[in-house]
């Protein structure tokens, strides 16, 4: 029997290399794996989330958790498997202008704070974490977004959201002091260049995140892997096949770090060992059971911020064949 031919759009992370180099395949599926970025240009372009949710361009796609939850609550024709290829703590992604006088999370109240979009997963997490972890009401911050939303929504009454002019770069605005802070999934280019005008909100963000992990028990999810519904309806078995492929790829990736020089980082192996000691054997679990608290907390943030249109059970997010995972 001929294998089912499908396209899958992913970012080029270490845990996805086994798909790109053919080390791992999905059983009975001929996958064309496309390297498609979201905010950083890669071989097949950018705007992966929009291309899936607005145009249905791929059969399978790495998607923003936040936008996926919005889509699912609106009954848009996409369903995920409990595979989470991107995770971030929000606290290292909070940047401030050094002259803004911001020394603690409470100093953000009333300030202009930049985001990629209001619904970007890191944005939702950062707003929620400020409120849950530091008692900083996100509604009392003036939010500046750098681009149009992936899925349109109506902001809650009294929430301040302003789109920055298209000719401006939000990272440059932070460096110049035109905004006070910035929370995005990637550091602003000024930071990458070594600017002394921008610093992290938390002087020891790593310790803040370790405290967060020990308190909450998880490394926050950023992305899911979603399928077109009509495809899953015709071939329900593919959910398990692709999920098993991701499990194998994660295991292969882990062993890259057996070689102390696999990464260009001089102490890459030391960092791998430190992470295992501090965060446990697998801070990247797949499956429904081990991620329930992580997902429920984020859905609470999404509902509070007016993004999801209704509350969903965790099982409603995923293909039925994966519910027992």
Protein backbone atom coordinates (compact mmCIF):
# COMPACT_ATOMS: atom_id res chain seq x y z
CA UNK A 1 0.00 0.00 0.00
CA UNK A 2 1.34 3.45 -0.92
CA UNK A 3 2.27 5.70 1.96
CA UNK A 4 0.12 8.73 2.70
CA UNK A 5 1.86 11.89 1.44
CA UNK A 6 1.68 14.85 3.82
CA UNK A 7 3.42 18.18 4.36
CA UNK A 8 4.60 19.27 7.81
CA UNK A 9 5.87 22.79 8.59
CA UNK A 10 8.36 23.11 11.46
CA UNK A 11 11.03 25.39 12.82
CA UNK A 12 14.61 24.08 12.65
CA UNK A 13 15.16 23.25 16.32
CA UNK A 14 17.59 20.58 17.51
CA UNK A 15 14.62 18.33 18.41
CA UNK A 16 13.39 18.54 14.80
CA UNK A 17 16.69 17.74 13.09
CA UNK A 18 15.83 14.00 13.00
CA UNK A 19 12.84 14.83 10.78
CA UNK A 20 14.87 17.08 8.51
CA UNK A 21 17.77 14.65 8.06
CA UNK A 22 15.57 11.55 7.69
CA UNK A 23 16.79 9.84 10.88
CA UNK A 24 13.15 9.61 12.02
CA UNK A 25 10.08 8.96 9.87
CA UNK A 26 6.39 8.59 10.71
CA UNK A 27 5.13 5.08 10.11
CA UNK A 28 3.15 4.65 6.87
CA UNK A 29 3.48 8.37 6.05
CA UNK A 30 5.70 10.03 3.47
CA UNK A 31 6.34 13.37 5.14
CA UNK A 32 7.64 16.37 3.27
CA UNK A 33 9.10 18.37 6.14
CA UNK A 34 9.27 22.10 5.42
CA UNK A 35 11.51 24.46 7.35
CA UNK A 36 9.13 27.36 7.91
CA UNK A 37 9.84 30.08 10.45
CA UNK A 38 7.52 32.43 12.25
CA UNK A 39 9.46 35.59 12.97
CA UNK A 40 12.89 34.64 11.61
CA UNK A 41 13.28 34.07 7.83
CA UNK A 42 14.16 30.49 6.95
CA UNK A 43 14.25 28.43 3.80
CA UNK A 44 10.51 28.32 3.11
CA UNK A 45 9.60 31.78 4.35
CA UNK A 46 7.95 33.07 7.51
CA UNK A 47 4.51 33.56 9.08
CA UNK A 48 3.95 29.86 9.66
CA UNK A 49 1.02 30.34 12.08
CA UNK A 50 -0.85 32.70 9.76
CA UNK A 51 -0.25 30.48 6.73
CA UNK A 52 -1.82 27.53 8.55
CA UNK A 53 -4.70 29.23 10.37
CA UNK A 54 -5.65 31.70 7.63
CA UNK A 55 -4.88 29.67 4.50
CA UNK A 56 -4.61 26.01 5.55
CA UNK A 57 -1.34 25.85 3.64
CA UNK A 58 0.10 22.74 5.36
CA UNK A 59 -1.29 19.34 6.39
CA UNK A 60 0.52 19.44 9.73
CA UNK A 61 2.02 22.53 11.34
CA UNK A 62 3.85 23.72 14.42
CA UNK A 63 1.46 26.34 15.80
CA UNK A 64 1.26 29.00 18.49
CA UNK A 65 -0.52 27.50 21.51
CA UNK A 66 -2.38 30.76 22.07
CA UNK A 67 -3.68 31.14 18.52
CA UNK A 68 -4.53 27.44 18.40
CA UNK A 69 -6.64 27.74 21.55
CA UNK A 70 -8.45 30.72 20.05
CA UNK A 71 -9.05 28.76 16.85
CA UNK A 72 -10.26 25.68 18.72
CA UNK A 73 -12.66 27.70 20.87
CA UNK A 74 -14.13 29.08 17.60
CA UNK A 75 -14.44 25.59 16.10
CA UNK A 76 -11.97 26.29 13.34
CA UNK A 77 -11.01 23.06 11.49
CA UNK A 78 -7.73 22.19 13.22
CA UNK A 79 -6.86 19.64 15.90
CA UNK A 80 -3.55 19.12 17.67
CA UNK A 81 -1.64 16.20 19.09
CA UNK A 82 -0.09 16.60 22.58
CA UNK A 83 3.38 17.36 21.22
CA UNK A 84 4.93 20.64 22.35
CA UNK A 85 8.01 21.56 20.30
CA UNK A 86 8.65 24.99 21.81
CA UNK A 87 8.67 26.08 25.44
CA UNK A 88 9.84 29.24 27.18
CA UNK A 89 9.75 30.78 30.61
CA UNK A 90 8.44 34.34 30.31
CA UNK A 91 10.74 35.90 32.89
CA UNK A 92 13.91 35.89 30.77
CA UNK A 93 11.95 37.47 27.92
CA UNK A 94 11.04 40.61 29.87
CA UNK A 95 13.30 43.52 28.83
CA UNK A 96 13.36 47.11 30.10
CA UNK A 97 15.02 50.36 29.05
CA UNK A 98 17.80 51.12 31.52
CA UNK A 99 16.64 54.72 31.93
CA UNK A 100 12.99 53.88 32.61
CA UNK A 101 13.46 53.40 36.36
CA UNK A 102 11.90 49.93 36.29
CA UNK A 103 13.42 47.85 39.08
CA UNK A 104 10.60 45.41 39.84
CA UNK A 105 7.49 44.01 38.12
CA UNK A 106 5.27 46.51 39.99
CA UNK A 107 7.09 49.36 38.24
CA UNK A 108 5.49 48.25 34.95
CA UNK A 109 2.08 49.54 36.03
CA UNK A 110 1.03 52.43 33.81
CA UNK A 111 4.01 51.96 31.47
CA UNK A 112 4.21 51.39 27.72
CA UNK A 113 5.17 47.76 27.18
CA UNK A 114 5.80 46.23 23.77
CA UNK A 115 4.60 42.84 22.54
CA UNK A 116 4.78 41.03 19.23
CA UNK A 117 0.98 40.72 19.24
CA UNK A 118 -1.44 40.65 22.16
CA UNK A 119 -2.24 36.98 21.45
CA UNK A 120 1.33 35.73 20.89
CA UNK A 121 1.82 32.85 23.31
CA UNK A 122 4.75 34.51 25.09
CA UNK A 123 2.63 37.69 25.43
CA UNK A 124 -0.23 35.80 27.04
CA UNK A 125 2.14 33.94 29.35
CA UNK A 126 4.00 37.10 30.38
CA UNK A 127 0.78 39.00 31.15
CA UNK A 128 -0.60 36.06 33.09
CA UNK A 129 2.62 35.44 34.99
CA UNK A 130 2.93 39.10 35.98
CA UNK A 131 -0.52 38.90 37.52
CA UNK A 132 -0.30 35.40 39.03
CA UNK A 133 3.28 35.42 40.26
CA UNK A 134 3.87 39.11 41.08
CA UNK A 135 0.38 40.60 41.68
CA UNK A 136 0.84 43.03 38.78
CA UNK A 137 -2.56 43.54 37.07
CA UNK A 138 -1.89 43.27 33.34
CA UNK A 139 -4.92 45.49 32.61
CA UNK A 140 -3.05 48.44 34.18
CA UNK A 141 -0.27 48.32 31.58
CA UNK A 142 -0.38 50.11 28.21
CA UNK A 143 0.34 47.46 25.59
CA UNK A 144 2.05 48.31 22.30
CA UNK A 145 1.95 45.59 19.62
CA UNK A 146 4.31 45.37 16.66
CA UNK A 147 2.01 43.73 14.09
CA UNK A 148 -1.58 42.73 13.30
CA UNK A 149 -3.09 39.81 15.21
CA UNK A 150 -3.02 36.31 13.69
CA UNK A 151 -6.71 35.88 14.56
CA UNK A 152 -8.86 38.97 15.13
CA UNK A 153 -10.55 39.49 18.50
CA UNK A 154 -12.33 42.26 20.38
CA UNK A 155 -10.25 43.62 23.28
CA UNK A 156 -11.94 43.82 26.65
CA UNK A 157 -13.29 47.19 27.71
CA UNK A 158 -10.62 49.32 29.36
CA UNK A 159 -7.67 47.33 27.99
CA UNK A 160 -5.14 49.57 26.21
CA UNK A 161 -3.68 48.02 23.02
CA UNK A 162 -1.99 50.19 20.41
CA UNK A 163 -0.44 49.08 17.10
CA UNK A 164 2.93 50.75 16.54
CA UNK A 165 3.44 52.48 13.17
CA UNK A 166 4.54 50.09 10.43
CA UNK A 167 7.74 52.03 9.78
CA UNK A 168 8.93 51.54 13.37
CA UNK A 169 10.78 48.57 14.88
CA UNK A 170 9.60 47.83 18.39
CA UNK A 171 13.07 46.78 19.59
CA UNK A 172 14.49 50.07 18.37
CA UNK A 173 11.69 51.88 20.18
CA UNK A 174 12.81 50.22 23.41
CA UNK A 175 16.46 51.11 22.82
CA UNK A 176 15.47 54.74 22.23
CA UNK A 177 13.21 54.84 25.30
CA UNK A 178 10.03 55.34 23.25
CA UNK A 179 8.56 52.40 25.15
CA UNK A 180 9.54 51.33 28.66
CA UNK A 181 9.67 47.55 28.35
CA UNK A 182 9.32 44.71 25.86
CA UNK A 183 8.19 41.08 26.18
CA UNK A 184 8.79 38.92 23.10
CA UNK A 185 9.83 35.34 22.25
CA UNK A 186 13.19 36.52 20.88
CA UNK A 187 15.53 39.14 22.36
CA UNK A 188 15.43 42.49 20.55
CA UNK A 189 18.14 42.90 17.94
CA UNK A 190 19.65 45.72 19.99
CA UNK A 191 20.35 43.17 22.73
CA UNK A 192 21.84 40.74 20.22
CA UNK A 193 24.15 43.56 19.09
CA UNK A 194 25.16 44.22 22.70
CA UNK A 195 23.28 47.47 23.40
CA UNK A 196 23.80 48.90 26.88
CA UNK A 197 20.40 50.64 26.77
CA UNK A 198 18.39 47.48 27.45
CA UNK A 199 18.52 44.99 30.31
CA UNK A 200 16.36 42.18 31.65
CA UNK A 201 13.65 43.10 34.16
CA UNK A 202 15.00 40.42 36.51
CA UNK A 203 18.69 40.71 37.36
CA UNK A 204 18.86 36.92 37.84
CA UNK A 205 16.12 35.71 35.53
CA UNK A 206 17.41 32.13 35.59
CA UNK A 207 16.88 31.89 39.34
CA UNK A 208 13.42 33.46 39.00
CA UNK A 209 12.54 30.82 36.42
CA UNK A 210 13.91 28.00 38.54
CA UNK A 211 11.73 29.24 41.41
CA UNK A 212 8.76 29.31 39.00
CA UNK A 213 9.49 25.75 37.86
CA UNK A 214 9.75 24.43 41.41
CA UNK A 215 6.53 26.17 42.43
CA UNK A 216 4.42 25.26 39.39
CA UNK A 217 6.05 22.03 38.26
CA UNK A 218 6.37 22.73 34.55
CA UNK A 219 8.28 24.46 31.77
CA UNK A 220 5.59 26.55 29.98
CA UNK A 221 4.36 25.39 26.57
CA UNK A 222 4.62 27.76 23.61
CA UNK A 223 3.66 25.62 20.59
CA UNK A 224 1.60 22.59 19.62
CA UNK A 225 1.56 20.43 16.48
CA UNK A 226 -1.79 20.71 14.68
CA UNK A 227 -3.47 18.89 11.78
CA UNK A 228 -6.24 19.86 9.42
CA UNK A 229 -9.45 18.28 10.72
CA UNK A 230 -10.52 16.78 7.40
CA UNK A 231 -7.24 14.89 7.25
CA UNK A 232 -7.69 13.43 10.74
CA UNK A 233 -11.28 12.49 9.96
CA UNK A 234 -10.20 10.51 6.90
CA UNK A 235 -7.09 8.99 8.52
CA UNK A 236 -7.42 9.06 12.34
CA UNK A 237 -4.39 6.75 12.75
CA UNK A 238 -1.98 9.48 11.59
CA UNK A 239 -2.26 11.30 14.93
CA UNK A 240 -0.52 8.44 16.74
CA UNK A 241 1.94 7.82 13.93
CA UNK A 242 3.18 11.41 13.90
CA UNK A 243 3.22 11.63 17.70
CA UNK A 244 5.40 8.53 17.89
CA UNK A 245 7.72 10.14 15.35
CA UNK A 246 8.11 13.18 17.60
CA UNK A 247 8.84 10.95 20.60
CA UNK A 248 11.61 9.19 18.65
CA UNK A 249 13.02 12.52 17.43
CA UNK A 250 13.18 13.85 20.99
CA UNK A 251 15.12 10.77 22.09
CA UNK A 252 17.57 11.11 19.20
CA UNK A 253 18.05 14.80 20.01
CA UNK A 254 18.86 14.06 23.65
CA UNK A 255 21.81 11.93 22.58
CA UNK A 256 23.30 14.72 20.47
CA UNK A 257 24.56 16.12 23.76
CA UNK A 258 26.46 12.93 24.60
CA UNK A 259 29.19 14.60 22.52
CA UNK A 260 30.56 17.55 24.55
CA UNK A 261 31.36 19.37 21.30
CA UNK A 262 28.07 18.80 19.49
CA UNK A 263 27.02 22.37 20.33
CA UNK A 264 29.23 25.37 19.57
CA UNK A 265 28.88 26.32 23.25
CA UNK A 266 32.14 25.56 25.06
CA UNK A 267 30.25 24.24 28.09
CA UNK A 268 27.28 22.78 26.25
CA UNK A 269 27.60 19.41 27.97
CA UNK A 270 27.91 21.10 31.38
CA UNK A 271 24.70 23.05 30.70
CA UNK A 272 22.93 19.85 29.63
CA UNK A 273 23.93 18.17 32.89
CA UNK A 274 22.96 21.23 34.95
CA UNK A 275 19.51 21.37 33.36
CA UNK A 276 18.92 17.67 34.06
CA UNK A 277 19.93 18.20 37.70
CA UNK A 278 17.69 21.26 38.17
CA UNK A 279 14.69 20.47 35.96
CA UNK A 280 14.67 16.67 36.00
CA UNK A 281 15.17 14.06 33.32
CA UNK A 282 12.55 15.44 30.92
CA UNK A 283 11.21 19.00 31.22
CA UNK A 284 9.81 18.55 27.67
CA UNK A 285 7.15 15.84 28.22
CA UNK A 286 4.65 14.99 25.50
CA UNK A 287 1.20 13.55 26.17
CA UNK A 288 -1.99 14.77 27.84
CA UNK A 289 -1.42 13.57 31.42
CA UNK A 290 1.94 15.21 32.10
CA UNK A 291 0.88 18.53 30.57
CA UNK A 292 -2.61 18.98 32.01
CA UNK A 293 -1.67 21.54 34.68
CA UNK A 294 0.50 23.47 32.21
CA UNK A 295 -2.32 23.67 29.66
CA UNK A 296 -5.08 24.43 32.18
CA UNK A 297 -3.11 27.35 33.60
CA UNK A 298 -2.47 28.81 30.17
CA UNK A 299 -6.13 28.42 29.15
CA UNK A 300 -7.04 30.34 32.30
CA UNK A 301 -4.75 33.15 31.16
CA UNK A 302 -6.28 33.11 27.67
CA UNK A 303 -9.83 33.29 28.99
CA UNK A 304 -8.92 36.08 31.44
CA UNK A 305 -7.38 38.08 28.61
CA UNK A 306 -10.47 37.78 26.39
CA UNK A 307 -8.85 35.56 23.74
CA UNK A 308 -10.54 32.15 23.93
CA UNK A 309 -14.27 32.42 23.35
CA UNK A 310 -15.17 29.60 25.74
CA UNK A 311 -13.60 27.25 28.25
CA UNK A 312 -12.48 23.87 26.90
CA UNK A 313 -11.50 20.61 28.56
CA UNK A 314 -7.90 19.61 27.89
CA UNK A 315 -9.07 16.53 25.98
CA UNK A 316 -11.04 18.71 23.55
CA UNK A 317 -7.75 20.15 22.29
CA UNK A 318 -6.35 16.88 21.00
CA UNK A 319 -7.08 14.06 18.57
CA UNK A 320 -9.07 11.29 20.28
CA UNK A 321 -6.38 8.70 19.48
CA UNK A 322 -3.99 10.59 21.79
CA UNK A 323 -6.26 11.10 24.83
CA UNK A 324 -4.68 8.22 26.75
CA UNK A 325 -1.17 9.57 26.35
